[in-house]
Amino acid sequence: TTPSAEAEDFVDVVKMHGLRSGAVEAACIAYLLEQHLPSLWSKLADALQRHYGASAKSLDYLRFEASRGAALAKWSRHLVDRYVSTTEPYRVFEGRRAAREALWAWTVLIESA
């Protein structure tokens, strides 16, 4: 099946700012993702088990990713401290803009599911 337009847009925004821009934008994107993904993995695992009867063993990877939330949040805060907090104001603006675009794409994706 083909990914939804919302999923493609989210991936495009993250790739544009997280991979093709500078360290400031990438740090902001990492921070944004690590604030939301662990919770999503946990909720997805719960839903797969509850609604589709997925076995606990088959959900190990999602549960593992969900459990890494605190460590990944700490790492992404380190990236922000390292690259965003030490740069000039316009670069901070660009990083925040990248995060807003990605958050908007994330919101549209989640609400369309």
N, C-alpha and C. Protein backbone atom coordinates (compact mmCIF):
# COMPACT_ATOMS: atom_id res chain seq x y z
N THR A 1 0.83 -1.19 0.00
CA THR A 1 0.00 0.00 0.00
C THR A 1 0.87 1.26 0.00
N THR A 2 0.30 2.30 -0.47
CA THR A 2 0.99 3.58 -0.55
C THR A 2 0.79 4.35 0.75
N PRO A 3 1.85 4.97 1.27
CA PRO A 3 1.67 5.79 2.48
C PRO A 3 0.70 6.94 2.21
N SER A 4 0.04 7.38 3.25
CA SER A 4 -0.89 8.51 3.10
C SER A 4 -0.12 9.78 2.77
N ALA A 5 -0.82 10.74 2.22
CA ALA A 5 -0.20 12.04 1.91
C ALA A 5 0.34 12.68 3.19
N GLU A 6 -0.37 12.49 4.30
CA GLU A 6 0.07 13.06 5.58
C GLU A 6 1.39 12.42 6.04
N ALA A 7 1.50 11.11 5.87
CA ALA A 7 2.73 10.42 6.26
C ALA A 7 3.89 10.85 5.38
N GLU A 8 3.65 10.95 4.09
CA GLU A 8 4.70 11.40 3.18
C GLU A 8 5.14 12.82 3.50
N ASP A 9 4.19 13.69 3.82
CA ASP A 9 4.53 15.07 4.16
C ASP A 9 5.37 15.12 5.43
N PHE A 10 4.99 14.35 6.44
CA PHE A 10 5.77 14.33 7.68
C PHE A 10 7.20 13.88 7.41
N VAL A 11 7.36 12.81 6.67
CA VAL A 11 8.70 12.31 6.36
C VAL A 11 9.49 13.35 5.57
N ASP A 12 8.85 14.00 4.61
CA ASP A 12 9.54 15.03 3.82
C ASP A 12 10.01 16.19 4.69
N VAL A 13 9.16 16.64 5.60
CA VAL A 13 9.53 17.76 6.48
C VAL A 13 10.69 17.37 7.39
N VAL A 14 10.61 16.18 7.97
CA VAL A 14 11.68 15.73 8.86
C VAL A 14 12.99 15.57 8.09
N LYS A 15 12.92 15.00 6.89
CA LYS A 15 14.13 14.85 6.08
C LYS A 15 14.70 16.20 5.69
N MET A 16 13.84 17.13 5.30
CA MET A 16 14.30 18.45 4.87
C MET A 16 15.05 19.15 6.01
N HIS A 17 14.46 19.15 7.19
CA HIS A 17 15.06 19.89 8.30
C HIS A 17 16.03 19.06 9.13
N GLY A 18 15.78 17.78 9.25
CA GLY A 18 16.61 16.95 10.09
C GLY A 18 17.85 16.40 9.43
N LEU A 19 17.79 16.25 8.11
CA LEU A 19 18.92 15.66 7.40
C LEU A 19 19.61 16.62 6.45
N ARG A 20 18.86 17.54 5.87
CA ARG A 20 19.43 18.40 4.83
C ARG A 20 19.78 19.79 5.31
N SER A 21 19.41 20.12 6.54
CA SER A 21 19.73 21.44 7.08
C SER A 21 20.92 21.32 8.02
N GLY A 22 21.15 22.36 8.78
CA GLY A 22 22.29 22.36 9.69
C GLY A 22 22.01 21.68 11.02
N ALA A 23 23.01 21.75 11.88
CA ALA A 23 22.93 21.09 13.19
C ALA A 23 21.83 21.68 14.07
N VAL A 24 21.58 22.97 13.97
CA VAL A 24 20.55 23.60 14.79
C VAL A 24 19.17 23.03 14.44
N GLU A 25 18.86 23.00 13.16
CA GLU A 25 17.57 22.45 12.73
C GLU A 25 17.44 20.98 13.10
N ALA A 26 18.52 20.23 12.89
CA ALA A 26 18.49 18.80 13.20
C ALA A 26 18.28 18.57 14.70
N ALA A 27 18.92 19.38 15.54
CA ALA A 27 18.74 19.25 16.99
C ALA A 27 17.29 19.55 17.38
N CYS A 28 16.72 20.55 16.77
CA CYS A 28 15.32 20.90 17.06
C CYS A 28 14.37 19.78 16.62
N ILE A 29 14.63 19.20 15.47
CA ILE A 29 13.81 18.09 14.99
C ILE A 29 13.96 16.88 15.91
N ALA A 30 15.19 16.57 16.31
CA ALA A 30 15.42 15.45 17.23
C ALA A 30 14.66 15.66 18.53
N TYR A 31 14.72 16.88 19.05
CA TYR A 31 14.02 17.19 20.30
C TYR A 31 12.51 16.96 20.13
N LEU A 32 11.98 17.47 19.04
CA LEU A 32 10.55 17.32 18.78
C LEU A 32 10.16 15.85 18.70
N LEU A 33 10.89 15.07 17.93
CA LEU A 33 10.56 13.65 17.75
C LEU A 33 10.64 12.89 19.06
N GLU A 34 11.67 13.14 19.83
CA GLU A 34 11.85 12.38 21.06
C GLU A 34 10.87 12.79 22.14
N GLN A 35 10.16 13.89 21.95
CA GLN A 35 9.09 14.26 22.87
C GLN A 35 7.81 13.48 22.57
N HIS A 36 7.66 12.98 21.36
CA HIS A 36 6.40 12.37 20.95
C HIS A 36 6.48 10.88 20.62
N LEU A 37 7.56 10.41 20.03
CA LEU A 37 7.60 9.03 19.56
C LEU A 37 7.51 7.96 20.65
N PRO A 38 8.21 8.08 21.77
CA PRO A 38 8.09 7.01 22.77
C PRO A 38 6.65 6.77 23.23
N SER A 39 5.90 7.83 23.42
CA SER A 39 4.50 7.69 23.81
C SER A 39 3.69 7.02 22.70
N LEU A 40 3.98 7.38 21.46
CA LEU A 40 3.28 6.76 20.34
C LEU A 40 3.55 5.26 20.29
N TRP A 41 4.81 4.85 20.46
CA TRP A 41 5.14 3.42 20.42
C TRP A 41 4.41 2.67 21.51
N SER A 42 4.34 3.25 22.68
CA SER A 42 3.63 2.60 23.79
C SER A 42 2.14 2.46 23.49
N LYS A 43 1.52 3.53 23.01
CA LYS A 43 0.10 3.50 22.69
C LYS A 43 -0.19 2.54 21.53
N LEU A 44 0.71 2.50 20.56
CA LEU A 44 0.53 1.59 19.43
C LEU A 44 0.60 0.14 19.91
N ALA A 45 1.58 -0.17 20.76
CA ALA A 45 1.69 -1.54 21.28
C ALA A 45 0.43 -1.92 22.06
N ASP A 46 -0.06 -1.02 22.89
CA ASP A 46 -1.29 -1.30 23.65
C ASP A 46 -2.46 -1.55 22.72
N ALA A 47 -2.59 -0.72 21.70
CA ALA A 47 -3.71 -0.86 20.76
C ALA A 47 -3.62 -2.16 19.96
N LEU A 48 -2.42 -2.52 19.51
CA LEU A 48 -2.25 -3.77 18.77
C LEU A 48 -2.60 -4.97 19.63
N GLN A 49 -2.23 -4.92 20.89
CA GLN A 49 -2.55 -6.03 21.79
C GLN A 49 -4.05 -6.08 22.09
N ARG A 50 -4.62 -4.93 22.38
CA ARG A 50 -6.04 -4.87 22.77
C ARG A 50 -6.97 -5.18 21.60
N HIS A 51 -6.72 -4.57 20.44
CA HIS A 51 -7.67 -4.69 19.33
C HIS A 51 -7.38 -5.84 18.37
N TYR A 52 -6.12 -6.27 18.31
CA TYR A 52 -5.77 -7.31 17.34
C TYR A 52 -5.20 -8.56 17.99
N GLY A 53 -5.09 -8.54 19.31
CA GLY A 53 -4.59 -9.72 20.01
C GLY A 53 -3.13 -10.01 19.77
N ALA A 54 -2.35 -9.00 19.43
CA ALA A 54 -0.91 -9.22 19.21
C ALA A 54 -0.28 -9.75 20.48
N SER A 55 0.62 -10.69 20.32
CA SER A 55 1.28 -11.29 21.48
C SER A 55 2.27 -10.30 22.09
N ALA A 56 2.52 -10.49 23.36
CA ALA A 56 3.48 -9.62 24.06
C ALA A 56 4.86 -9.72 23.39
N LYS A 57 5.23 -10.92 22.98
CA LYS A 57 6.53 -11.12 22.33
C LYS A 57 6.65 -10.32 21.03
N SER A 58 5.57 -10.27 20.26
CA SER A 58 5.62 -9.55 18.99
C SER A 58 5.70 -8.04 19.18
N LEU A 59 5.41 -7.58 20.39
CA LEU A 59 5.44 -6.15 20.68
C LEU A 59 6.70 -5.72 21.42
N ASP A 60 7.64 -6.65 21.58
CA ASP A 60 8.86 -6.33 22.32
C ASP A 60 9.59 -5.10 21.78
N TYR A 61 9.72 -5.00 20.47
CA TYR A 61 10.46 -3.88 19.90
C TYR A 61 9.78 -2.55 20.20
N LEU A 62 8.45 -2.50 20.03
CA LEU A 62 7.74 -1.25 20.33
C LEU A 62 7.87 -0.89 21.81
N ARG A 63 7.76 -1.88 22.68
CA ARG A 63 7.90 -1.62 24.11
C ARG A 63 9.33 -1.16 24.44
N PHE A 64 10.31 -1.75 23.78
CA PHE A 64 11.69 -1.34 24.00
C PHE A 64 11.88 0.12 23.59
N GLU A 65 11.37 0.49 22.41
CA GLU A 65 11.49 1.87 21.95
C GLU A 65 10.77 2.83 22.89
N ALA A 66 9.62 2.44 23.39
CA ALA A 66 8.88 3.27 24.34
C ALA A 66 9.67 3.46 25.63
N SER A 67 10.36 2.42 26.06
CA SER A 67 11.12 2.49 27.32
C SER A 67 12.34 3.40 27.22
N ARG A 68 12.79 3.69 26.02
CA ARG A 68 13.97 4.53 25.83
C ARG A 68 13.64 6.02 25.90
N GLY A 69 12.39 6.37 26.14
CA GLY A 69 11.95 7.76 26.11
C GLY A 69 12.78 8.70 26.95
N ALA A 70 13.02 8.35 28.21
CA ALA A 70 13.76 9.26 29.10
C ALA A 70 15.20 9.46 28.62
N ALA A 71 15.85 8.39 28.21
CA ALA A 71 17.24 8.50 27.74
C ALA A 71 17.31 9.32 26.45
N LEU A 72 16.37 9.10 25.55
CA LEU A 72 16.39 9.86 24.30
C LEU A 72 16.04 11.32 24.53
N ALA A 73 15.13 11.59 25.46
CA ALA A 73 14.80 12.98 25.79
C ALA A 73 16.02 13.69 26.37
N LYS A 74 16.77 12.99 27.21
CA LYS A 74 17.99 13.57 27.78
C LYS A 74 19.01 13.87 26.67
N TRP A 75 19.17 12.94 25.75
CA TRP A 75 20.12 13.14 24.65
C TRP A 75 19.69 14.31 23.76
N SER A 76 18.41 14.39 23.45
CA SER A 76 17.95 15.48 22.58
C SER A 76 18.07 16.83 23.29
N ARG A 77 17.88 16.86 24.61
CA ARG A 77 18.12 18.12 25.34
C ARG A 77 19.59 18.50 25.28
N HIS A 78 20.48 17.50 25.34
CA HIS A 78 21.91 17.76 25.19
C HIS A 78 22.21 18.37 23.82
N LEU A 79 21.58 17.83 22.77
CA LEU A 79 21.79 18.39 21.44
C LEU A 79 21.34 19.84 21.35
N VAL A 80 20.19 20.13 21.95
CA VAL A 80 19.70 21.51 21.97
C VAL A 80 20.67 22.41 22.72
N ASP A 81 21.12 21.95 23.89
CA ASP A 81 22.09 22.75 24.65
C ASP A 81 23.37 22.98 23.85
N ARG A 82 23.81 21.96 23.16
CA ARG A 82 25.08 22.03 22.42
C ARG A 82 24.98 22.90 21.16
N TYR A 83 23.91 22.73 20.38
CA TYR A 83 23.85 23.39 19.07
C TYR A 83 22.91 24.58 19.00
N VAL A 84 21.84 24.58 19.76
CA VAL A 84 20.85 25.65 19.66
C VAL A 84 21.16 26.77 20.63
N SER A 85 21.47 26.43 21.87
CA SER A 85 21.69 27.45 22.89
C SER A 85 22.94 28.28 22.66
N THR A 86 23.82 27.79 21.84
CA THR A 86 25.10 28.47 21.63
C THR A 86 25.20 29.20 20.29
N THR A 87 24.12 29.28 19.56
CA THR A 87 24.19 29.86 18.22
C THR A 87 23.55 31.24 18.19
N GLU A 88 23.68 31.92 17.07
CA GLU A 88 23.12 33.26 16.94
C GLU A 88 21.58 33.20 16.83
N PRO A 89 20.92 34.29 17.19
CA PRO A 89 19.45 34.30 17.26
C PRO A 89 18.74 33.88 15.97
N TYR A 90 19.26 34.28 14.81
CA TYR A 90 18.57 33.90 13.58
C TYR A 90 18.58 32.39 13.38
N ARG A 91 19.67 31.74 13.74
CA ARG A 91 19.73 30.27 13.62
C ARG A 91 18.74 29.61 14.58
N VAL A 92 18.57 30.21 15.77
CA VAL A 92 17.57 29.70 16.71
C VAL A 92 16.18 29.83 16.09
N PHE A 93 15.92 30.97 15.45
CA PHE A 93 14.65 31.17 14.76
C PHE A 93 14.44 30.09 13.71
N GLU A 94 15.47 29.80 12.91
CA GLU A 94 15.37 28.77 11.87
C GLU A 94 15.11 27.39 12.48
N GLY A 95 15.76 27.08 13.58
CA GLY A 95 15.54 25.81 14.25
C GLY A 95 14.13 25.69 14.79
N ARG A 96 13.64 26.76 15.40
CA ARG A 96 12.27 26.75 15.92
C ARG A 96 11.26 26.65 14.78
N ARG A 97 11.55 27.31 13.67
CA ARG A 97 10.66 27.22 12.51
C ARG A 97 10.60 25.78 12.01
N ALA A 98 11.75 25.14 11.92
CA ALA A 98 11.79 23.73 11.49
C ALA A 98 10.97 22.85 12.44
N ALA A 99 11.11 23.09 13.73
CA ALA A 99 10.35 22.30 14.71
C ALA A 99 8.85 22.55 14.57
N ARG A 100 8.46 23.81 14.35
CA ARG A 100 7.03 24.10 14.17
C ARG A 100 6.47 23.41 12.94
N GLU A 101 7.22 23.43 11.84
CA GLU A 101 6.76 22.75 10.62
C GLU A 101 6.62 21.25 10.86
N ALA A 102 7.59 20.67 11.53
CA ALA A 102 7.53 19.23 11.80
C ALA A 102 6.40 18.90 12.77
N LEU A 103 6.20 19.75 13.78
CA LEU A 103 5.11 19.50 14.72
C LEU A 103 3.76 19.61 14.03
N TRP A 104 3.63 20.56 13.13
CA TRP A 104 2.37 20.68 12.38
C TRP A 104 2.14 19.43 11.53
N ALA A 105 3.17 18.97 10.84
CA ALA A 105 3.05 17.76 10.01
C ALA A 105 2.74 16.55 10.89
N TRP A 106 3.35 16.48 12.06
CA TRP A 106 3.09 15.39 13.02
C TRP A 106 1.63 15.42 13.45
N THR A 107 1.15 16.61 13.80
CA THR A 107 -0.24 16.76 14.25
C THR A 107 -1.23 16.32 13.17
N VAL A 108 -0.99 16.76 11.95
CA VAL A 108 -1.86 16.37 10.84
C VAL A 108 -1.83 14.86 10.65
N LEU A 109 -0.66 14.26 10.73
CA LEU A 109 -0.53 12.80 10.58
C LEU A 109 -1.30 12.06 11.67
N ILE A 110 -1.12 12.45 12.90
CA ILE A 110 -1.78 11.77 14.02
C ILE A 110 -3.29 11.96 13.96
N GLU A 111 -3.73 13.15 13.65
CA GLU A 111 -5.17 13.41 13.60
C GLU A 111 -5.83 12.74 12.41
N SER A 112 -5.07 12.41 11.37
CA SER A 112 -5.67 11.76 10.20
C SER A 112 -5.76 10.25 10.36
N ALA A 113 -5.08 9.72 11.35
CA ALA A 113 -5.06 8.26 11.54
C ALA A 113 -6.35 7.76 12.16
